[in-house]
Amino acid sequence: MINSLTARIFAIFWFTLALVLMLVLMVPKLDSRQITPLLDNEQRQGLMIEQHVEAELATDPANDLMWWRRLFRAIDKWAPPGQRLLLVTSEGRVIGAQRNEMQIVRNFIGQSDNSDRPKKKKYGRVEMVGPFSVRDGEDNYQLYLMRPASSSQSDFINLMFDRPLLLLIVTMLISAPLLLWLAWSLAKPARKLKNAADDVARGNLKQHPELESGPQEFLATGASFNQMVSALERMVTAQQRLISDISHELRTPLTRLQLATALMRRRHGEGKELQRIENEAQRLDGMINDLLVLSRSQHKNELSRETLKANELWAGVIDDAQFEAEQMGKTLEVTSPPGPWKLIGNAAALDSALENIVRNALRYSHHHIALNFAHDNDGITITVDDDGPGVSEEDREQIFRPFYRTDEARDRESGGTGLGLAIVDTAVQQHRGKVKAEDSPLGGLRLIIWLPLHQR
């Protein structure tokens, strides 16, 4: 087996070309209808018949008025069983041939007219042999023998030899398995590489040993790919460890700060400065939690998935959001609740996605939030509208980035950490969905999540 893909393509190309040329040049020579010299025994048989016909004509006196009858009598008498003899005069008249055979006879006479070198040729189920020279006084005739072909060639083979285009098509069909094998040998490792790349795109950073096999070029590519995956895995692991270590180190002074705040409250009572310190500590704690959630969700290779029903999955999130809206003096309207639509996913991640966009709307709205669920044959669409300050068009693509802040009213004074929509975007992408931001008819921001339905 040739391991080099370049050598394999080169070898198959020239082998296929040589095969095509060989078939085109050699196959026509295998046509049994080609004109060929007589065998020795056929030559002797023809000479014997020639002598018998000459002797017969010598014993049968000529008749000027009915001169052809004696020729018929002679060739009928000495024709071998199942065969016929033909005589051709010096003027080109053919004696003994039927009208429907004249085209064959004329064709053979045109190709074989030398009695010193008689030949034979097949015409379908008939074979012509000759010529042999027959002398009748001052006249000379050429004697031909018409007999059944020993093994007639099939009509398809005849058609193939008569039509060069058909012969070329047959040649291409013969070479097709070689070319298909070449295409398969190219496509198989390419498909493996494509599937491995898809796994990496989904966040599944694992080695693929099957890539390091096959042609040398793909083997080297597979080895490089696995090295790249290993490097990415090490980088992701180092990043997760760094975030975990930073979070741990931040929690230690944060815990001390919270403890000190509690002690100061006990000694000195409530105060504006103390309340501000406590609020900022709580926000910092929430930011650390969100950062850890985002890190884990972004770098989790494979989420555990199950079949879920939309109404059961998000019922708790909707109830909690309505309760929080009531406590904040705002209205959360569910214009169209979710139905028992089935989807495949991770319940915790999908819960978190909806919870974050609803909390985002609650945080930035003035009075009113609208939540709508819809579905079609392909997926579920979740729309959340608020009547808050909204987001400018140039910032809508950026708000899904971690810690991104607009320059408008949706800033840190709202109390957010800047990680909620990044968590939403990560969870939705892990479920092969889409999330986008638009202007809301309520005057604020509209967030739209689309998730694919479970296809049976």
Protein backbone atom coordinates (compact mmCIF):
# COMPACT_ATOMS: atom_id res chain seq x y z
CA MET A 1 0.00 0.00 0.00
CA ILE A 2 1.32 3.44 -0.94
CA ASN A 3 1.34 5.61 2.21
CA SER A 4 2.07 8.91 0.49
CA LEU A 5 -1.07 10.61 -0.79
CA THR A 6 0.92 12.42 -3.50
CA ALA A 7 2.44 9.16 -4.75
CA ARG A 8 -0.96 7.46 -4.58
CA ILE A 9 -2.61 10.13 -6.73
CA PHE A 10 0.31 10.09 -9.18
CA ALA A 11 0.29 6.29 -9.47
CA ILE A 12 -3.48 5.98 -9.89
CA PHE A 13 -3.54 8.78 -12.46
CA TRP A 14 -0.91 7.14 -14.68
CA PHE A 15 -2.29 3.65 -14.13
CA THR A 16 -5.77 4.80 -15.15
CA LEU A 17 -4.37 6.66 -18.15
CA ALA A 18 -2.38 3.58 -19.23
CA LEU A 19 -5.47 1.39 -18.77
CA VAL A 20 -7.59 3.70 -20.92
CA LEU A 21 -4.97 3.86 -23.65
CA MET A 22 -4.47 0.10 -23.59
CA LEU A 23 -8.20 -0.54 -23.90
CA VAL A 24 -8.62 2.03 -26.67
CA LEU A 25 -5.67 0.66 -28.66
CA MET A 26 -5.90 -3.07 -27.95
CA VAL A 27 -9.58 -3.86 -27.61
CA PRO A 28 -10.46 -3.16 -31.25
CA LYS A 29 -7.91 -5.81 -32.25
CA LEU A 30 -9.96 -8.36 -30.29
CA ASP A 31 -12.94 -7.81 -32.59
CA SER A 32 -13.63 -11.23 -34.13
CA ARG A 33 -15.00 -9.46 -37.21
CA GLN A 34 -11.53 -8.32 -38.23
CA ILE A 35 -10.35 -9.71 -41.55
CA THR A 36 -7.72 -12.42 -41.00
CA PRO A 37 -5.63 -14.84 -43.16
CA LEU A 38 -6.87 -18.43 -43.63
CA LEU A 39 -5.56 -21.32 -41.61
CA ASP A 40 -3.65 -24.05 -43.48
CA ASN A 41 -6.53 -26.54 -43.43
CA GLU A 42 -8.93 -23.85 -44.65
CA GLN A 43 -6.50 -23.00 -47.43
CA ARG A 44 -6.33 -26.68 -48.52
CA GLN A 45 -10.11 -27.03 -48.40
CA GLY A 46 -10.53 -23.94 -50.56
CA LEU A 47 -8.01 -25.21 -53.17
CA MET A 48 -9.81 -28.58 -53.34
CA ILE A 49 -13.14 -26.87 -53.96
CA GLU A 50 -11.48 -24.68 -56.56
CA GLN A 51 -10.19 -27.74 -58.43
CA HIS A 52 -13.56 -29.51 -58.29
CA VAL A 53 -15.38 -26.46 -59.70
CA GLU A 54 -12.81 -26.08 -62.50
CA ALA A 55 -13.20 -29.76 -63.42
CA GLU A 56 -16.99 -29.49 -63.36
CA LEU A 57 -16.93 -26.47 -65.68
CA ALA A 58 -14.55 -28.29 -68.05
CA THR A 59 -17.01 -31.19 -68.43
CA ASP A 60 -20.04 -28.92 -68.89
CA PRO A 61 -19.96 -27.30 -72.35
CA ALA A 62 -20.53 -23.53 -72.50
CA ASN A 63 -23.83 -22.06 -73.75
CA ASP A 64 -23.67 -18.46 -74.91
CA LEU A 65 -27.35 -17.81 -74.23
CA MET A 66 -27.58 -19.45 -70.79
CA TRP A 67 -23.93 -19.15 -69.75
CA TRP A 68 -24.66 -18.56 -66.05
CA ARG A 69 -26.61 -21.80 -65.58
CA ARG A 70 -23.53 -23.99 -65.83
CA LEU A 71 -21.87 -21.78 -63.19
CA PHE A 72 -24.83 -22.31 -60.84
CA ARG A 73 -24.72 -26.06 -61.43
CA ALA A 74 -21.00 -26.22 -60.65
CA ILE A 75 -21.11 -24.19 -57.38
CA ASP A 76 -24.28 -25.94 -56.20
CA LYS A 77 -22.75 -29.36 -56.75
CA TRP A 78 -19.47 -28.72 -54.92
CA ALA A 79 -20.67 -26.46 -52.11
CA PRO A 80 -19.90 -28.11 -48.71
CA PRO A 81 -22.96 -29.02 -46.60
CA GLY A 82 -24.53 -25.96 -44.97
CA GLN A 83 -22.31 -23.61 -47.00
CA ARG A 84 -22.60 -21.79 -50.30
CA LEU A 85 -20.19 -20.93 -53.09
CA LEU A 86 -20.12 -17.66 -54.99
CA LEU A 87 -18.47 -16.80 -58.28
CA VAL A 88 -17.47 -13.30 -59.30
CA THR A 89 -16.87 -12.62 -62.98
CA SER A 90 -14.22 -10.32 -64.38
CA GLU A 91 -16.98 -7.75 -64.97
CA GLY A 92 -17.90 -7.86 -61.26
CA ARG A 93 -21.10 -9.87 -61.54
CA VAL A 94 -21.82 -12.08 -58.52
CA ILE A 95 -23.21 -15.55 -59.19
CA GLY A 96 -24.94 -17.43 -56.35
CA ALA A 97 -25.59 -14.57 -53.89
CA GLN A 98 -29.04 -13.55 -52.73
CA ARG A 99 -30.13 -9.95 -52.98
CA ASN A 100 -30.04 -9.31 -49.19
CA GLU A 101 -26.45 -10.61 -49.10
CA MET A 102 -25.05 -8.33 -51.77
CA GLN A 103 -23.89 -5.62 -49.34
CA ILE A 104 -21.86 -8.16 -47.30
CA VAL A 105 -20.43 -9.75 -50.46
CA ARG A 106 -19.46 -6.43 -52.02
CA ASN A 107 -17.80 -5.33 -48.74
CA PHE A 108 -15.72 -8.50 -48.51
CA ILE A 109 -14.77 -8.43 -52.22
CA GLY A 110 -13.52 -4.89 -51.71
CA GLN A 111 -11.26 -6.03 -48.85
CA SER A 112 -10.11 -9.39 -50.21
CA ASP A 113 -9.60 -9.68 -53.98
CA ASN A 114 -6.18 -11.38 -54.15
CA SER A 115 -6.49 -15.11 -54.82
CA ASP A 116 -2.87 -15.62 -53.83
CA ARG A 117 -3.74 -14.51 -50.26
CA PRO A 118 -7.29 -15.56 -49.48
CA LYS A 119 -8.77 -14.28 -46.21
CA LYS A 120 -11.86 -14.61 -44.03
CA LYS A 121 -14.11 -12.24 -42.16
CA LYS A 122 -17.21 -12.56 -39.99
CA TYR A 123 -20.37 -10.57 -40.61
CA GLY A 124 -22.60 -11.32 -37.66
CA ARG A 125 -23.65 -14.96 -38.01
CA VAL A 126 -22.10 -15.34 -41.49
CA GLU A 127 -18.45 -15.75 -42.46
CA MET A 128 -16.96 -15.01 -45.90
CA VAL A 129 -13.87 -16.85 -47.17
CA GLY A 130 -11.83 -16.29 -50.34
CA PRO A 131 -11.03 -15.63 -53.05
CA PHE A 132 -9.78 -18.68 -54.98
CA SER A 133 -9.05 -18.43 -58.69
CA VAL A 134 -11.20 -20.59 -61.03
CA ARG A 135 -10.20 -20.85 -64.71
CA ASP A 136 -12.89 -21.61 -67.29
CA GLY A 137 -11.25 -21.69 -70.68
CA GLU A 138 -10.34 -18.12 -71.43
CA ASP A 139 -12.44 -16.76 -68.53
CA ASN A 140 -11.26 -16.35 -64.94
CA TYR A 141 -13.56 -16.27 -61.94
CA GLN A 142 -13.01 -15.60 -58.28
CA LEU A 143 -14.52 -18.19 -55.97
CA TYR A 144 -15.82 -17.21 -52.50
CA LEU A 145 -17.24 -19.38 -49.76
CA MET A 146 -20.10 -18.21 -47.50
CA ARG A 147 -20.54 -20.28 -44.32
CA PRO A 148 -22.08 -19.90 -40.84
CA ALA A 149 -19.76 -18.19 -38.34
CA SER A 150 -18.22 -20.65 -35.86
CA SER A 151 -18.89 -18.41 -32.81
CA SER A 152 -20.81 -15.26 -33.53
CA GLN A 153 -20.01 -12.15 -31.51
CA SER A 154 -22.83 -10.69 -29.38
CA ASP A 155 -24.74 -7.71 -30.69
CA PHE A 156 -23.63 -5.57 -27.73
CA ILE A 157 -19.95 -6.29 -28.45
CA ASN A 158 -20.52 -5.46 -32.11
CA LEU A 159 -22.25 -2.22 -31.11
CA MET A 160 -19.41 -1.33 -28.77
CA PHE A 161 -16.79 -1.81 -31.49
CA ASP A 162 -18.89 0.06 -34.04
CA ARG A 163 -19.46 3.03 -31.70
CA PRO A 164 -16.17 4.50 -30.35
CA LEU A 165 -18.09 6.68 -27.89
CA LEU A 166 -19.69 3.62 -26.33
CA LEU A 167 -16.27 1.96 -26.11
CA LEU A 168 -14.97 5.07 -24.32
CA ILE A 169 -17.89 4.95 -21.85
CA VAL A 170 -17.20 1.28 -21.10
CA THR A 171 -13.54 2.12 -20.57
CA MET A 172 -14.50 4.88 -18.13
CA LEU A 173 -16.76 2.49 -16.24
CA ILE A 174 -13.92 0.00 -15.93
CA SER A 175 -11.63 2.68 -14.53
CA ALA A 176 -14.34 4.08 -12.23
CA PRO A 177 -13.56 1.70 -9.28
CA LEU A 178 -9.96 2.93 -9.19
CA LEU A 179 -11.06 6.55 -9.23
CA LEU A 180 -13.74 5.89 -6.61
CA TRP A 181 -11.17 4.23 -4.38
CA LEU A 182 -8.93 7.26 -4.80
CA ALA A 183 -11.79 9.64 -3.96
CA TRP A 184 -12.71 7.52 -0.94
CA SER A 185 -9.12 7.44 0.29
CA LEU A 186 -9.07 11.25 0.07
CA ALA A 187 -12.50 11.84 1.59
CA LYS A 188 -12.31 9.42 4.54
CA PRO A 189 -9.48 11.16 6.47
CA ALA A 190 -10.91 14.55 5.47
CA ARG A 191 -14.26 13.56 7.02
CA LYS A 192 -12.50 12.39 10.18
CA LEU A 193 -10.69 15.72 10.40
CA LYS A 194 -13.94 17.61 9.83
CA ASN A 195 -15.75 15.67 12.57
CA ALA A 196 -12.87 16.25 14.97
CA ALA A 197 -12.93 19.99 14.18
CA ASP A 198 -16.69 20.03 14.85
CA ASP A 199 -16.05 18.44 18.25
CA VAL A 200 -13.52 21.16 19.08
CA ALA A 201 -15.97 23.84 17.91
CA ARG A 202 -18.53 22.43 20.37
CA GLY A 203 -15.97 22.73 23.16
CA ASN A 204 -15.09 19.04 23.33
CA LEU A 205 -11.31 19.21 23.66
CA LYS A 206 -10.31 15.57 23.43
CA GLN A 207 -7.67 13.70 21.48
CA HIS A 208 -8.59 11.91 18.23
CA PRO A 209 -6.07 9.05 17.71
CA GLU A 210 -7.89 7.92 14.54
CA LEU A 211 -6.59 11.05 12.78
CA GLU A 212 -3.02 9.76 13.02
CA SER A 213 -3.53 7.06 10.41
CA GLY A 214 -3.87 6.81 6.65
CA PRO A 215 -1.78 8.71 4.07
CA GLN A 216 1.34 10.46 5.34
CA GLU A 217 -0.01 13.94 4.63
CA PHE A 218 -3.21 13.37 6.63
CA LEU A 219 -1.23 11.54 9.32
CA ALA A 220 0.95 14.61 9.81
CA THR A 221 -2.12 16.87 9.78
CA GLY A 222 -3.84 14.66 12.36
CA ALA A 223 -0.79 14.74 14.63
CA SER A 224 -0.64 18.55 14.38
CA PHE A 225 -4.38 18.75 15.09
CA ASN A 226 -4.06 16.61 18.21
CA GLN A 227 -1.12 18.74 19.37
CA MET A 228 -3.27 21.85 18.89
CA VAL A 229 -6.13 20.29 20.88
CA SER A 230 -3.71 19.37 23.68
CA ALA A 231 -2.38 22.92 23.75
CA LEU A 232 -5.92 24.35 23.86
CA GLU A 233 -6.87 21.95 26.64
CA ARG A 234 -3.84 23.00 28.67
CA MET A 235 -4.67 26.68 28.13
CA VAL A 236 -8.32 26.18 29.13
CA THR A 237 -7.33 24.19 32.19
CA ALA A 238 -4.80 26.85 33.19
CA GLN A 239 -7.42 29.58 32.70
CA GLN A 240 -9.99 27.72 34.80
CA ARG A 241 -7.41 27.13 37.52
CA LEU A 242 -6.42 30.80 37.43
CA ILE A 243 -10.04 31.97 37.71
CA SER A 244 -10.68 29.49 40.51
CA ASP A 245 -7.55 30.59 42.37
CA ILE A 246 -8.38 34.29 41.91
CA SER A 247 -11.94 33.69 43.11
CA HIS A 248 -10.65 31.81 46.15
CA GLU A 249 -8.15 34.55 46.95
CA LEU A 250 -10.83 37.23 46.54
CA ARG A 251 -13.27 35.41 48.79
CA THR A 252 -10.85 35.40 51.74
CA PRO A 253 -10.59 39.23 52.11
CA LEU A 254 -14.25 39.52 51.08
CA THR A 255 -15.29 37.25 53.94
CA ARG A 256 -13.16 39.31 56.33
CA LEU A 257 -14.76 42.50 54.99
CA GLN A 258 -18.25 41.11 55.53
CA LEU A 259 -17.31 39.99 59.05
CA ALA A 260 -15.85 43.41 59.85
CA THR A 261 -19.01 45.07 58.54
CA ALA A 262 -21.18 42.92 60.78
CA LEU A 263 -18.99 43.78 63.85
CA MET A 264 -19.15 47.50 63.08
CA ARG A 265 -22.93 47.32 62.78
CA ARG A 266 -23.14 45.70 66.22
CA ARG A 267 -20.88 48.35 67.80
CA HIS A 268 -21.95 51.54 66.04
CA GLY A 269 -25.35 50.68 64.53
CA GLU A 270 -26.54 51.39 60.99
CA GLY A 271 -24.94 54.07 58.83
CA LYS A 272 -24.91 55.18 55.21
CA GLU A 273 -21.24 54.42 54.79
CA LEU A 274 -21.65 51.02 56.37
CA GLN A 275 -24.62 50.21 54.11
CA ARG A 276 -22.60 51.25 51.06
CA ILE A 277 -19.72 48.97 52.07
CA GLU A 278 -22.14 46.08 52.58
CA ASN A 279 -23.80 46.64 49.18
CA GLU A 280 -20.48 46.70 47.38
CA ALA A 281 -19.35 43.55 49.20
CA GLN A 282 -22.54 41.76 48.18
CA ARG A 283 -22.04 42.89 44.60
CA LEU A 284 -18.48 41.69 44.60
CA ASP A 285 -19.65 38.33 45.96
CA GLY A 286 -22.26 38.09 43.22
CA MET A 287 -19.69 38.99 40.58
CA ILE A 288 -17.36 36.22 41.78
CA ASN A 289 -20.22 33.71 41.66
CA ASP A 290 -21.23 34.79 38.14
CA LEU A 291 -17.63 34.66 36.97
CA LEU A 292 -17.27 31.08 38.21
CA VAL A 293 -20.57 30.08 36.56
CA LEU A 294 -19.49 31.66 33.26
CA SER A 295 -16.07 29.99 33.38
CA ARG A 296 -17.54 26.57 34.09
CA SER A 297 -20.20 26.87 31.39
CA GLN A 298 -17.80 28.16 28.74
CA HIS A 299 -15.28 25.37 29.21
CA LYS A 300 -17.53 22.46 30.03
CA ASN A 301 -16.91 19.89 27.30
CA GLU A 302 -20.26 18.14 27.30
CA LEU A 303 -23.42 19.13 29.16
CA SER A 304 -25.60 16.35 30.49
CA ARG A 305 -28.76 16.47 28.41
CA GLU A 306 -32.27 15.10 28.74
CA THR A 307 -35.67 15.47 27.13
CA LEU A 308 -37.47 18.45 28.67
CA LYS A 309 -40.90 20.06 28.32
CA ALA A 310 -40.83 23.85 28.07
CA ASN A 311 -43.82 24.49 30.39
CA GLU A 312 -42.37 22.28 33.14
CA LEU A 313 -38.82 23.56 32.68
CA TRP A 314 -39.52 27.29 33.02
CA ALA A 315 -42.60 27.32 35.30
CA GLY A 316 -40.50 27.98 38.42
CA VAL A 317 -38.49 30.77 36.76
CA ILE A 318 -41.68 32.52 35.63
CA ASP A 319 -43.30 32.26 39.10
CA ASP A 320 -40.18 33.61 40.83
CA ALA A 321 -39.90 36.47 38.32
CA GLN A 322 -43.55 37.47 38.81
CA PHE A 323 -43.05 37.47 42.59
CA GLU A 324 -39.91 39.63 42.33
CA ALA A 325 -41.65 42.04 39.93
CA GLU A 326 -44.49 42.44 42.42
CA GLN A 327 -42.04 43.17 45.24
CA MET A 328 -40.34 45.81 43.05
CA GLY A 329 -43.66 47.43 42.17
CA LYS A 330 -43.40 46.41 38.51
CA THR A 331 -45.65 44.39 36.20
CA LEU A 332 -44.45 41.17 34.53
CA GLU A 333 -46.94 40.12 31.86
CA VAL A 334 -46.71 36.64 30.30
CA THR A 335 -48.52 37.29 27.01
CA SER A 336 -48.18 33.68 25.84
CA PRO A 337 -47.01 30.97 28.28
CA PRO A 338 -44.82 28.03 27.22
CA GLY A 339 -46.51 24.85 26.07
CA PRO A 340 -45.49 21.19 26.44
CA TRP A 341 -42.92 21.56 23.67
CA LYS A 342 -40.09 19.07 23.84
CA LEU A 343 -36.43 20.01 23.61
CA ILE A 344 -33.15 18.28 24.42
CA GLY A 345 -30.92 20.14 26.84
CA ASN A 346 -29.50 20.76 30.27
CA ALA A 347 -32.21 21.96 32.64
CA ALA A 348 -29.88 24.05 34.84
CA ALA A 349 -28.29 25.86 31.87
CA LEU A 350 -31.63 26.62 30.20
CA ASP A 351 -33.13 27.77 33.51
CA SER A 352 -30.16 30.08 34.01
CA ALA A 353 -30.51 31.52 30.50
CA LEU A 354 -34.18 32.49 30.96
CA GLU A 355 -33.62 33.68 34.53
CA ASN A 356 -30.81 36.02 33.48
CA ILE A 357 -32.69 37.73 30.63
CA VAL A 358 -35.80 38.15 32.82
CA ARG A 359 -33.71 39.55 35.69
CA ASN A 360 -32.00 41.85 33.17
CA ALA A 361 -35.42 43.19 32.14
CA LEU A 362 -36.55 43.53 35.78
CA ARG A 363 -33.39 45.41 36.66
CA TYR A 364 -33.56 47.98 33.84
CA SER A 365 -37.32 48.39 33.27
CA HIS A 366 -39.32 51.32 34.67
CA HIS A 367 -42.68 49.67 35.20
CA HIS A 368 -43.55 46.98 32.63
CA ILE A 369 -41.99 43.72 31.36
CA ALA A 370 -43.57 41.43 28.74
CA LEU A 371 -42.60 37.75 28.37
CA ASN A 372 -43.75 35.74 25.35
CA PHE A 373 -43.20 32.11 24.26
CA ALA A 374 -43.87 30.87 20.71
CA HIS A 375 -42.94 27.81 18.68
CA ASP A 376 -42.96 26.47 15.13
CA ASN A 377 -41.82 23.23 13.50
CA ASP A 378 -38.16 24.08 14.07
CA GLY A 379 -37.82 25.68 17.48
CA ILE A 380 -38.98 27.78 20.43
CA THR A 381 -38.75 31.59 20.45
CA ILE A 382 -38.63 33.42 23.78
CA THR A 383 -39.13 37.22 23.69
CA VAL A 384 -38.56 39.50 26.68
CA ASP A 385 -39.49 43.21 26.36
CA ASP A 386 -38.97 46.02 28.85
CA ASP A 387 -39.80 49.73 28.98
CA GLY A 388 -36.35 50.75 30.21
CA PRO A 389 -33.79 53.04 28.57
CA GLY A 390 -32.83 50.51 25.86
CA VAL A 391 -29.47 49.94 24.16
CA SER A 392 -28.07 51.73 21.12
CA GLU A 393 -27.80 49.73 17.89
CA GLU A 394 -23.98 49.71 17.88
CA ASP A 395 -23.91 48.22 21.41
CA ARG A 396 -26.40 45.38 20.84
CA GLU A 397 -23.82 42.91 19.58
CA GLN A 398 -21.44 43.79 22.41
CA ILE A 399 -23.74 43.41 25.42
CA PHE A 400 -23.26 39.62 25.34
CA ARG A 401 -19.55 40.02 26.07
CA PRO A 402 -18.40 39.54 29.69
CA PHE A 403 -18.17 42.81 31.68
CA TYR A 404 -19.26 44.93 28.70
CA ARG A 405 -20.97 48.15 29.74
CA THR A 406 -22.82 50.71 27.63
CA ASP A 407 -22.34 54.43 28.13
CA GLU A 408 -26.05 54.95 28.62
CA ALA A 409 -28.47 54.44 31.52
CA ARG A 410 -27.81 50.65 31.70
CA ASP A 411 -24.62 51.06 33.77
CA ARG A 412 -23.25 49.80 37.06
CA GLU A 413 -25.66 51.92 39.06
CA SER A 414 -28.29 49.30 38.22
CA GLY A 415 -26.48 46.78 40.38
CA GLY A 416 -25.56 44.25 37.68
CA THR A 417 -22.24 42.47 37.32
CA GLY A 418 -22.00 42.58 33.52
CA LEU A 419 -21.91 38.79 33.26
CA GLY A 420 -25.59 37.82 33.06
CA LEU A 421 -26.02 38.15 29.29
CA ALA A 422 -22.66 36.48 28.68
CA ILE A 423 -23.97 33.48 30.66
CA VAL A 424 -27.15 33.54 28.53
CA ASP A 425 -25.16 33.61 25.27
CA THR A 426 -22.94 30.69 26.37
CA ALA A 427 -25.90 28.53 27.47
CA VAL A 428 -27.86 29.22 24.26
CA GLN A 429 -24.88 28.43 22.01
CA GLN A 430 -24.29 25.16 23.88
CA HIS A 431 -27.85 24.20 22.88
CA ARG A 432 -27.30 25.26 19.24
CA GLY A 433 -29.59 28.23 19.62
CA LYS A 434 -29.35 31.97 18.98
CA VAL A 435 -29.81 35.11 21.08
CA LYS A 436 -30.07 38.69 19.83
CA ALA A 437 -31.14 42.15 20.96
CA GLU A 438 -33.59 44.54 19.26
CA ASP A 439 -35.65 47.63 19.96
CA SER A 440 -38.73 46.85 22.05
CA PRO A 441 -42.21 48.15 21.20
CA LEU A 442 -42.41 49.05 24.90
CA GLY A 443 -39.61 51.56 24.35
CA GLY A 444 -36.72 49.66 25.93
CA LEU A 445 -34.78 46.55 24.94
CA ARG A 446 -36.09 43.33 23.42
CA LEU A 447 -34.07 40.13 23.96
CA ILE A 448 -34.92 37.13 21.76
CA ILE A 449 -33.78 33.54 22.40
CA TRP A 450 -34.33 30.81 19.83
CA LEU A 451 -33.80 27.14 20.77
CA PRO A 452 -34.25 24.11 18.48
CA LEU A 453 -37.05 21.67 19.25
CA HIS A 454 -36.40 17.97 19.73
CA GLN A 455 -36.84 16.38 16.29
CA ARG A 456 -38.13 12.82 16.46
